[in-house]
Amino acid sequence: MKQWFRYGLGRLDTARDQPSIAAGITAFESSMRDIRELVVALATSRTFRYRTPGTAEVLP
């Protein structure tokens, strides 16, 4: 999940991302390791949906 998370967000994970990663792992394992559920868990995670802007980044 961590590698999918890093790829999907385009950055390394931080301590604040751990709840989203843990929830994704739980969803993946409870679905008998269905890769589709892993992708859904990543895309619906709070971290993926509500990102914070970078240091020099201005969001419109």
Protein backbone atom coordinates (compact mmCIF):
# COMPACT_ATOMS: atom_id res chain seq x y z
CA MET A 1 0.00 0.00 0.00
CA LYS A 2 2.81 2.41 0.79
CA GLN A 3 4.24 2.19 -2.71
CA TRP A 4 0.80 2.70 -4.28
CA PHE A 5 0.25 5.63 -1.93
CA ARG A 6 3.59 7.20 -2.86
CA TYR A 7 2.95 6.73 -6.56
CA GLY A 8 -0.62 8.02 -6.39
CA LEU A 9 0.30 11.14 -4.46
CA GLY A 10 3.67 11.69 -6.10
CA ARG A 11 5.46 12.08 -2.78
CA LEU A 12 6.77 10.16 0.20
CA ASP A 13 4.43 9.38 3.05
CA THR A 14 4.63 11.16 6.39
CA ALA A 15 3.45 10.34 9.89
CA ARG A 16 0.21 12.22 9.20
CA ASP A 17 -0.52 9.81 6.32
CA GLN A 18 -0.40 6.69 8.46
CA PRO A 19 -4.16 6.52 9.23
CA SER A 20 -4.98 6.60 5.50
CA ILE A 21 -2.38 3.94 4.78
CA ALA A 22 -3.64 1.73 7.62
CA ALA A 23 -7.23 2.05 6.38
CA GLY A 24 -6.11 1.11 2.87
CA ILE A 25 -4.27 -1.95 4.14
CA THR A 26 -7.34 -3.03 6.12
CA ALA A 27 -9.63 -2.62 3.10
CA PHE A 28 -7.19 -4.52 0.88
CA GLU A 29 -6.80 -7.43 3.29
CA SER A 30 -10.51 -7.68 4.07
CA SER A 31 -11.28 -7.93 0.34
CA MET A 32 -9.05 -11.01 0.09
CA ARG A 33 -6.32 -8.88 -1.49
CA ASP A 34 -8.36 -7.61 -4.42
CA ILE A 35 -6.18 -5.00 -6.15
CA ARG A 36 -9.27 -3.05 -7.20
CA GLU A 37 -10.14 -2.46 -3.56
CA LEU A 38 -6.62 -1.20 -2.93
CA VAL A 39 -6.99 1.40 -5.68
CA VAL A 40 -10.45 2.40 -4.41
CA ALA A 41 -9.10 2.74 -0.86
CA LEU A 42 -6.30 4.99 -2.11
CA ALA A 43 -8.58 7.17 -4.24
CA THR A 44 -11.16 7.60 -1.49
CA SER A 45 -8.67 8.26 1.31
CA ARG A 46 -8.78 11.67 2.94
CA THR A 47 -5.11 12.21 2.15
CA PHE A 48 -5.70 11.67 -1.56
CA ARG A 49 -8.85 13.80 -1.77
CA TYR A 50 -7.72 16.73 0.40
CA ARG A 51 -4.09 17.51 -0.15
CA THR A 52 -2.29 20.52 1.26
CA PRO A 53 -0.43 22.85 -1.09
CA GLY A 54 3.35 22.74 -1.27
CA THR A 55 5.57 25.50 0.10
CA ALA A 56 5.67 27.70 -3.01
CA GLU A 57 2.41 26.45 -4.50
CA VAL A 58 -0.73 28.56 -4.82
CA LEU A 59 -3.99 26.77 -5.46
CA PRO A 60 -6.61 28.58 -7.60
